[in-house]
């Protein structure tokens, strides 16, 4: 069996990371998988790029321009919206023609248009679409932020309050799916439940399969050595915060800052033995706001160095306000690092409260602070760490995830379409 995985980027972003890991898992379990991307960043022979033409850049710019005009020349939400009004017809490419299954992932920002996806569906090939956010089930947004319009029809999007663009794109997606079927795979049970509420997907099959991770790379290593490599003090427990862009409000940095302040106020002795490592772009902008010694590590793309970062940490904190199944939590747990996060999205499916970490009440900085202190000072740390490793091996190993996808590809899964 030959599978073509389609994603905008080869390595940048959580969806790209997940798609790469799935490709490796499939190839290690008897499936010939390739990846087709717009932005190729390595020399990996299993990854092919769209033909380089001026149109690729123009597709991206044209879509942003259209959104910008509907935003009345404002930049607010400019990259929170996608309308898929232009892209590349991949059905003519040899990689597409030789594939048995077309597996879509994150295909926005000019990679595929709605018309391009329609052509893929009309090719007669089996199509699977892994949802890394809710965009395939809404008109234009990647995170609904409490809006429920997609359960009936997106008309006036809160991100575009003075525009009918959402209504137009919704109609385009209805036409795209007319008479055709896609198997939608959600990375968390939470996202699958949300997708099933979408009027757009009412006749489609929706299943839940988590992302996978390479436990040969992401594994426990010597903490003191990791501290030394990163230049972190050897005598401090390390709280880790990670985000591609640390200042992204959706990742909850304001709650993290507040939680650290509350924790230090209640436990001032932590100033002597605890520090914070911040991994991601704009890390230095946040460091000065924290009540503990902080070490901005900046943006790191080398997986080996990222593993060192996780192994240097004693607790990983991700107070996301919206999230699916964060790769970062999976990576931390695979390194034996207990995690703390809010009860939102797919996070409670990953963190088992008081078993391998702490699930705090949503948007409750005080409870988040308690969770961090619980992991570092109150719980049996070795037990938490062991349970992290057990959870990853049981749920997110390459073999278990690849097996479930292969069943989908071959039509052997017993999951029924929702009523």
Protein backbone atom coordinates (compact mmCIF):
# COMPACT_ATOMS: atom_id res chain seq x y z
CA UNK A 1 0.00 0.00 0.00
CA UNK A 2 1.20 3.51 -0.90
CA UNK A 3 0.12 6.53 1.14
CA UNK A 4 0.72 10.18 0.25
CA UNK A 5 0.68 12.49 3.28
CA UNK A 6 -0.06 16.10 2.32
CA UNK A 7 0.93 18.99 4.60
CA UNK A 8 1.88 22.62 3.95
CA UNK A 9 5.19 22.46 5.80
CA UNK A 10 7.70 19.68 6.23
CA UNK A 11 8.85 20.58 9.76
CA UNK A 12 7.38 23.89 10.96
CA UNK A 13 4.39 23.64 13.29
CA UNK A 14 2.76 20.89 15.31
CA UNK A 15 0.91 19.39 12.36
CA UNK A 16 4.14 19.04 10.39
CA UNK A 17 5.82 17.31 13.33
CA UNK A 18 2.87 14.93 13.70
CA UNK A 19 2.74 14.20 9.96
CA UNK A 20 6.46 13.40 9.86
CA UNK A 21 6.16 11.07 12.82
CA UNK A 22 3.21 9.29 11.23
CA UNK A 23 5.13 8.86 7.96
CA UNK A 24 7.99 7.25 9.86
CA UNK A 25 5.63 5.03 11.84
CA UNK A 26 3.89 3.83 8.67
CA UNK A 27 7.17 3.10 6.90
CA UNK A 28 8.31 1.13 9.95
CA UNK A 29 5.12 -0.94 9.83
CA UNK A 30 4.92 -2.13 6.24
CA UNK A 31 3.36 0.87 4.46
CA UNK A 32 5.14 2.88 1.77
CA UNK A 33 4.47 6.44 2.87
CA UNK A 34 5.64 9.67 1.29
CA UNK A 35 5.00 13.26 2.22
CA UNK A 36 4.09 16.09 -0.17
CA UNK A 37 4.73 19.63 1.09
CA UNK A 38 4.93 23.17 -0.14
CA UNK A 39 7.80 24.10 2.17
CA UNK A 40 10.52 21.45 2.03
CA UNK A 41 13.27 22.02 4.60
CA UNK A 42 15.43 18.88 4.57
CA UNK A 43 17.00 16.44 2.12
CA UNK A 44 14.72 13.60 3.23
CA UNK A 45 14.01 11.53 0.11
CA UNK A 46 10.62 10.49 1.50
CA UNK A 47 9.49 14.12 1.36
CA UNK A 48 8.73 15.73 -1.99
CA UNK A 49 7.87 19.35 -2.66
CA UNK A 50 5.41 21.05 -4.95
CA UNK A 51 7.05 22.24 -8.18
CA UNK A 52 8.74 25.57 -7.47
CA UNK A 53 6.96 28.34 -9.33
CA UNK A 54 6.08 31.94 -8.62
CA UNK A 55 2.50 30.78 -8.05
CA UNK A 56 3.32 29.17 -4.72
CA UNK A 57 4.27 32.49 -3.16
CA UNK A 58 1.44 34.25 -4.92
CA UNK A 59 -1.16 31.80 -3.57
CA UNK A 60 -0.10 32.58 -0.02
CA UNK A 61 -0.02 36.34 -0.59
CA UNK A 62 -3.33 36.42 -2.48
CA UNK A 63 -5.19 34.61 0.29
CA UNK A 64 -3.71 36.90 2.96
CA UNK A 65 -4.61 39.94 0.85
CA UNK A 66 -8.22 38.83 0.53
CA UNK A 67 -8.48 38.27 4.28
CA UNK A 68 -6.76 41.59 5.00
CA UNK A 69 -9.29 43.43 2.85
CA UNK A 70 -12.17 41.76 4.71
CA UNK A 71 -10.48 42.83 7.95
CA UNK A 72 -10.69 46.41 6.63
CA UNK A 73 -6.90 46.69 6.35
CA UNK A 74 -6.26 45.54 9.93
CA UNK A 75 -3.82 42.80 10.91
CA UNK A 76 -5.97 41.48 13.75
CA UNK A 77 -6.70 37.76 13.20
CA UNK A 78 -4.86 37.85 9.86
CA UNK A 79 -3.24 34.47 10.52
CA UNK A 80 -6.12 32.99 12.52
CA UNK A 81 -8.25 32.70 9.38
CA UNK A 82 -7.92 30.56 6.25
CA UNK A 83 -10.29 30.62 3.29
CA UNK A 84 -8.58 28.17 0.88
CA UNK A 85 -9.39 30.29 -2.16
CA UNK A 86 -6.24 29.28 -4.05
CA UNK A 87 -3.77 26.43 -4.14
CA UNK A 88 -2.15 23.77 -6.31
CA UNK A 89 -3.82 20.93 -8.20
CA UNK A 90 -1.79 17.96 -6.98
CA UNK A 91 -3.79 15.31 -8.87
CA UNK A 92 -1.44 15.60 -11.84
CA UNK A 93 1.69 14.90 -9.84
CA UNK A 94 3.24 11.42 -10.13
CA UNK A 95 3.32 11.10 -6.33
CA UNK A 96 -0.45 11.51 -6.28
CA UNK A 97 -1.12 9.19 -9.18
CA UNK A 98 0.90 6.31 -7.73
CA UNK A 99 -0.66 6.59 -4.25
CA UNK A 100 -3.49 4.36 -3.05
CA UNK A 101 -4.48 6.66 -0.20
CA UNK A 102 -4.33 10.45 0.02
CA UNK A 103 -3.87 11.55 3.62
CA UNK A 104 -4.43 15.27 4.17
CA UNK A 105 -3.11 17.04 7.26
CA UNK A 106 -2.74 20.85 7.65
CA UNK A 107 -3.12 22.13 4.08
CA UNK A 108 -3.73 25.85 4.60
CA UNK A 109 -2.01 29.11 3.61
CA UNK A 110 -2.12 28.47 -0.13
CA UNK A 111 -1.28 24.73 -0.22
CA UNK A 112 -4.68 23.45 -1.38
CA UNK A 113 -7.85 25.29 -2.31
CA UNK A 114 -11.36 23.94 -1.79
CA UNK A 115 -11.49 23.26 -5.54
CA UNK A 116 -8.20 21.35 -5.31
CA UNK A 117 -9.60 19.17 -2.53
CA UNK A 118 -12.73 18.57 -4.63
CA UNK A 119 -10.50 17.28 -7.46
CA UNK A 120 -8.78 14.94 -5.01
CA UNK A 121 -12.16 13.56 -3.93
CA UNK A 122 -13.30 13.10 -7.52
CA UNK A 123 -10.16 11.07 -8.30
CA UNK A 124 -11.74 8.08 -6.61
CA UNK A 125 -8.83 7.50 -4.26
CA UNK A 126 -9.44 6.87 -0.57
CA UNK A 127 -9.06 10.17 1.29
CA UNK A 128 -8.24 10.52 4.97
CA UNK A 129 -7.97 13.91 6.66
CA UNK A 130 -6.28 14.26 10.06
CA UNK A 131 -7.69 17.29 11.86
CA UNK A 132 -5.07 19.15 13.88
CA UNK A 133 -7.61 21.86 14.68
CA UNK A 134 -11.26 22.51 13.92
CA UNK A 135 -10.85 24.29 10.54
CA UNK A 136 -12.10 21.35 8.42
CA UNK A 137 -15.35 21.46 10.42
CA UNK A 138 -15.87 25.25 10.35
CA UNK A 139 -15.84 27.91 7.68
CA UNK A 140 -12.66 29.89 8.27
CA UNK A 141 -11.39 29.57 11.88
CA UNK A 142 -8.89 27.09 13.35
CA UNK A 143 -10.19 27.47 16.91
CA UNK A 144 -13.84 28.28 17.54
CA UNK A 145 -13.18 30.22 20.78
CA UNK A 146 -16.63 29.34 22.11
CA UNK A 147 -18.51 30.12 18.90
CA UNK A 148 -21.11 27.44 18.03
CA UNK A 149 -22.17 28.62 14.57
CA UNK A 150 -20.46 25.67 12.87
CA UNK A 151 -23.03 23.40 14.50
CA UNK A 152 -25.61 24.84 12.08
CA UNK A 153 -23.93 27.17 9.56
CA UNK A 154 -21.15 29.72 9.81
CA UNK A 155 -22.60 33.08 8.79
CA UNK A 156 -20.99 35.99 10.64
CA UNK A 157 -17.64 34.92 12.03
CA UNK A 158 -16.58 36.73 15.25
CA UNK A 159 -13.14 37.07 13.69
CA UNK A 160 -14.72 38.93 10.74
CA UNK A 161 -17.73 40.69 12.28
CA UNK A 162 -18.42 42.99 9.32
CA UNK A 163 -18.03 40.49 6.50
CA UNK A 164 -19.98 37.67 4.87
CA UNK A 165 -16.78 35.83 3.92
CA UNK A 166 -17.42 33.02 6.41
CA UNK A 167 -20.79 32.32 4.83
CA UNK A 168 -19.19 32.19 1.36
CA UNK A 169 -16.45 29.78 2.46
CA UNK A 170 -18.99 27.59 4.27
CA UNK A 171 -20.95 27.23 1.03
CA UNK A 172 -17.70 26.42 -0.76
CA UNK A 173 -16.95 23.63 1.71
CA UNK A 174 -20.49 22.25 1.30
CA UNK A 175 -19.94 22.13 -2.46
CA UNK A 176 -16.51 20.56 -1.95
CA UNK A 177 -18.00 17.65 0.00
CA UNK A 178 -21.19 17.24 -2.05
CA UNK A 179 -21.64 13.54 -2.85
CA UNK A 180 -18.19 12.66 -1.55
CA UNK A 181 -16.82 11.16 1.65
CA UNK A 182 -13.70 11.76 3.70
CA UNK A 183 -12.61 9.83 6.76
CA UNK A 184 -11.82 12.54 9.30
CA UNK A 185 -9.32 11.52 11.97
CA UNK A 186 -9.15 13.66 15.10
CA UNK A 187 -6.08 13.53 17.32
CA UNK A 188 -8.18 13.71 20.48
CA UNK A 189 -11.58 12.53 21.63
CA UNK A 190 -12.44 16.15 22.45
CA UNK A 191 -11.88 17.30 18.86
CA UNK A 192 -13.79 14.29 17.51
CA UNK A 193 -16.77 15.26 19.66
CA UNK A 194 -16.60 18.83 18.39
CA UNK A 195 -16.29 17.69 14.77
CA UNK A 196 -19.37 15.47 15.10
CA UNK A 197 -21.38 18.56 16.07
CA UNK A 198 -20.49 20.28 12.78
CA UNK A 199 -23.33 20.54 10.29
CA UNK A 200 -20.68 20.51 7.58
CA UNK A 201 -19.52 16.99 8.50
CA UNK A 202 -22.87 15.44 9.37
CA UNK A 203 -22.58 12.75 6.67
CA UNK A 204 -18.88 12.07 7.14
CA UNK A 205 -17.08 9.41 9.19
CA UNK A 206 -15.17 10.81 12.16
CA UNK A 207 -12.77 8.76 14.28
CA UNK A 208 -10.19 9.50 16.95
CA UNK A 209 -6.56 8.38 16.72
CA UNK A 210 -3.79 10.13 18.68
CA UNK A 211 -0.52 11.35 17.24
CA UNK A 212 2.52 9.14 17.59
CA UNK A 213 6.02 9.77 18.89
CA UNK A 214 9.41 8.14 18.39
CA UNK A 215 10.31 6.84 21.84
CA UNK A 216 13.79 5.97 20.60
CA UNK A 217 14.50 9.71 20.37
CA UNK A 218 12.25 11.13 23.06
CA UNK A 219 13.30 9.18 26.14
CA UNK A 220 14.69 9.84 29.61
CA UNK A 221 18.32 10.88 29.80
CA UNK A 222 20.65 12.16 32.49
CA UNK A 223 19.23 15.39 33.92
CA UNK A 224 22.48 16.80 35.19
CA UNK A 225 24.10 16.30 31.80
CA UNK A 226 21.15 18.03 30.13
CA UNK A 227 21.54 20.97 32.54
CA UNK A 228 25.21 21.19 31.64
CA UNK A 229 24.60 21.10 27.89
CA UNK A 230 22.03 23.90 28.11
CA UNK A 231 23.94 25.98 30.61
CA UNK A 232 21.22 25.67 33.26
CA UNK A 233 22.17 25.74 36.97
CA UNK A 234 22.66 22.26 38.39
CA UNK A 235 21.20 23.13 41.78
CA UNK A 236 17.73 24.22 40.62
CA UNK A 237 14.54 22.38 39.75
CA UNK A 238 13.44 23.50 36.29
CA UNK A 239 9.90 24.45 35.29
CA UNK A 240 9.59 24.32 31.49
CA UNK A 241 7.31 26.39 29.25
CA UNK A 242 7.33 25.69 25.50
CA UNK A 243 5.57 27.33 22.57
CA UNK A 244 6.52 28.02 18.96
CA UNK A 245 5.76 31.66 19.83
CA UNK A 246 5.86 32.11 23.59
CA UNK A 247 3.75 35.28 23.49
CA UNK A 248 0.84 33.53 21.71
CA UNK A 249 -2.16 34.29 23.98
CA UNK A 250 -3.73 30.91 23.14
CA UNK A 251 -0.87 29.15 24.93
CA UNK A 252 -1.81 30.89 28.16
CA UNK A 253 1.40 32.71 28.99
CA UNK A 254 -0.46 35.30 31.10
CA UNK A 255 -1.84 32.53 33.32
CA UNK A 256 1.61 31.00 33.58
CA UNK A 257 3.12 34.31 34.73
CA UNK A 258 0.30 34.77 37.25
CA UNK A 259 0.62 31.20 38.54
CA UNK A 260 4.35 31.54 39.11
CA UNK A 261 3.80 34.77 41.04
CA UNK A 262 1.14 33.18 43.24
CA UNK A 263 3.25 30.09 43.86
CA UNK A 264 6.30 32.11 44.88
CA UNK A 265 4.21 34.34 47.13
CA UNK A 266 2.85 31.27 48.91
CA UNK A 267 6.15 29.36 48.87
CA UNK A 268 8.96 31.99 48.88
CA UNK A 269 11.55 29.29 49.58
CA UNK A 270 11.22 28.20 45.93
CA UNK A 271 13.27 31.23 44.90
CA UNK A 272 16.32 29.40 46.22
CA UNK A 273 16.00 26.12 44.32
CA UNK A 274 13.67 26.60 41.34
CA UNK A 275 14.04 28.22 37.92
CA UNK A 276 12.15 28.47 34.65
CA UNK A 277 13.35 27.48 31.17
CA UNK A 278 11.44 29.03 28.26
CA UNK A 279 11.69 27.41 24.85
CA UNK A 280 10.35 29.21 21.79
CA UNK A 281 10.37 32.44 19.85
CA UNK A 282 10.17 35.71 21.85
CA UNK A 283 11.21 33.86 25.03
CA UNK A 284 13.28 36.82 26.22
CA UNK A 285 10.15 39.02 26.21
CA UNK A 286 8.59 36.85 28.92
CA UNK A 287 11.59 36.11 31.14
CA UNK A 288 11.57 39.48 32.89
CA UNK A 289 7.91 39.08 33.91
CA UNK A 290 8.47 35.90 35.93
CA UNK A 291 8.95 35.76 39.70
CA UNK A 292 11.64 33.08 39.48
CA UNK A 293 15.06 33.09 37.80
CA UNK A 294 14.35 32.48 34.13
CA UNK A 295 16.43 31.15 31.27
CA UNK A 296 15.17 32.00 27.75
CA UNK A 297 16.40 29.32 25.36
CA UNK A 298 14.95 30.88 22.20
CA UNK A 299 13.72 28.84 19.27
CA UNK A 300 15.35 25.42 18.77
CA UNK A 301 14.65 23.19 15.77
CA UNK A 302 17.20 20.41 16.34
CA UNK A 303 15.25 17.43 17.79
CA UNK A 304 18.28 16.22 19.77
CA UNK A 305 18.60 19.59 21.50
CA UNK A 306 14.87 19.64 22.17
CA UNK A 307 15.21 16.27 23.90
CA UNK A 308 17.92 17.81 26.09
CA UNK A 309 15.52 20.61 27.04
CA UNK A 310 12.82 18.19 28.17
CA UNK A 311 15.31 16.10 30.10
CA UNK A 312 16.56 19.17 31.92
CA UNK A 313 13.03 19.89 33.14
CA UNK A 314 11.36 18.60 36.29
CA UNK A 315 7.85 19.69 35.28
CA UNK A 316 6.37 20.88 31.99
CA UNK A 317 3.58 23.45 32.14
CA UNK A 318 1.22 24.15 29.22
CA UNK A 319 -1.72 26.37 30.27
CA UNK A 320 -3.30 26.45 26.79
CA UNK A 321 -6.72 28.05 26.47
CA UNK A 322 -7.49 25.91 23.42
CA UNK A 323 -5.56 22.88 22.24
CA UNK A 324 -6.08 19.54 20.54
CA UNK A 325 -3.47 16.93 21.51
CA UNK A 326 -0.29 18.95 22.09
CA UNK A 327 2.89 17.31 20.80
CA UNK A 328 4.80 19.11 23.55
CA UNK A 329 2.98 17.27 26.33
CA UNK A 330 3.61 13.96 24.58
CA UNK A 331 7.29 14.81 24.14
CA UNK A 332 7.70 15.77 27.78
CA UNK A 333 5.94 12.64 29.01
CA UNK A 334 8.08 10.45 26.73
CA UNK A 335 11.10 11.91 28.54
CA UNK A 336 9.53 11.04 31.89
CA UNK A 337 8.59 14.63 32.75
CA UNK A 338 5.23 15.13 34.54
CA UNK A 339 2.99 17.80 33.02
CA UNK A 340 0.57 20.42 34.28
CA UNK A 341 -2.15 21.97 32.13
CA UNK A 342 -5.70 23.27 32.12
CA UNK A 343 -8.76 21.06 31.79
CA UNK A 344 -9.43 21.98 28.17
CA UNK A 345 -9.41 20.29 24.75
CA UNK A 346 -7.44 17.06 24.57
CA UNK A 347 -5.14 17.87 27.50
CA UNK A 348 -7.12 15.85 30.10
CA UNK A 349 -6.84 12.84 27.78
CA UNK A 350 -3.05 13.02 28.05
CA UNK A 351 -2.50 14.09 31.65
CA UNK A 352 -4.06 11.70 34.18
CA UNK A 353 -4.75 13.87 37.22
CA UNK A 354 -2.55 12.95 40.21
CA UNK A 355 -1.24 9.93 38.25
CA UNK A 356 1.25 11.34 35.73
CA UNK A 357 0.72 15.04 36.33
CA UNK A 358 -1.87 17.61 37.33
CA UNK A 359 -4.96 18.91 35.49
CA UNK A 360 -5.88 22.38 36.74
CA UNK A 361 -9.29 24.00 36.55
CA UNK A 362 -9.66 26.01 33.36
CA UNK A 363 -8.22 29.53 33.52
CA UNK A 364 -7.53 29.13 37.25
CA UNK A 365 -4.01 30.47 37.85
CA UNK A 366 -4.16 29.55 41.55
CA UNK A 367 -4.93 25.91 40.74
CA UNK A 368 -2.22 25.95 38.08
CA UNK A 369 0.23 27.16 40.73
CA UNK A 370 -0.91 24.41 43.07
CA UNK A 371 -0.37 21.83 40.33
CA UNK A 372 3.20 22.97 39.70
CA UNK A 373 3.98 22.87 43.42
CA UNK A 374 2.28 19.48 43.72
CA UNK A 375 4.54 17.92 41.09
CA UNK A 376 7.75 19.49 42.39
CA UNK A 377 7.24 19.29 46.16
CA UNK A 378 4.30 17.10 47.17
CA UNK A 379 3.89 14.07 44.92
CA UNK A 380 6.00 10.93 44.61
CA UNK A 381 7.99 12.22 41.65
CA UNK A 382 9.40 8.86 40.59
CA UNK A 383 5.90 7.40 40.38
CA UNK A 384 4.65 10.33 38.30
CA UNK A 385 7.60 9.96 35.95
CA UNK A 386 7.11 6.21 35.57
CA UNK A 387 3.41 6.68 34.80
CA UNK A 388 4.30 9.23 32.09
CA UNK A 389 6.43 6.64 30.32
CA UNK A 390 3.77 3.95 30.69
CA UNK A 391 1.08 6.21 29.21
CA UNK A 392 3.21 7.08 26.19
CA UNK A 393 4.18 3.50 25.41
CA UNK A 394 0.61 2.27 25.71
CA UNK A 395 -1.14 5.02 23.74
CA UNK A 396 1.30 6.84 21.48
CA UNK A 397 3.85 4.27 20.27
CA UNK A 398 4.53 4.03 16.55
CA UNK A 399 3.21 0.49 16.30
CA UNK A 400 -0.14 1.12 18.01
CA UNK A 401 -0.90 4.32 16.07
CA UNK A 402 0.27 2.93 12.71
CA UNK A 403 -1.91 -0.16 13.19
CA UNK A 404 -5.02 1.94 13.67
CA UNK A 405 -4.30 4.07 10.60
CA UNK A 406 -3.64 1.00 8.46
CA UNK A 407 -7.05 -0.35 9.44
CA UNK A 408 -8.56 2.95 8.27
CA UNK A 409 -6.66 2.88 4.99
CA UNK A 410 -7.74 -0.69 4.26
CA UNK A 411 -11.30 -0.19 5.41
CA UNK A 412 -10.91 -2.79 8.16
CA UNK A 413 -11.80 -0.52 11.06
CA UNK A 414 -15.08 -1.23 12.78
CA UNK A 415 -15.83 2.40 13.58
CA UNK A 416 -19.30 3.29 12.33
CA UNK A 417 -20.43 6.59 10.97
CA UNK A 418 -22.33 8.69 13.50
CA UNK A 419 -26.11 8.69 13.30
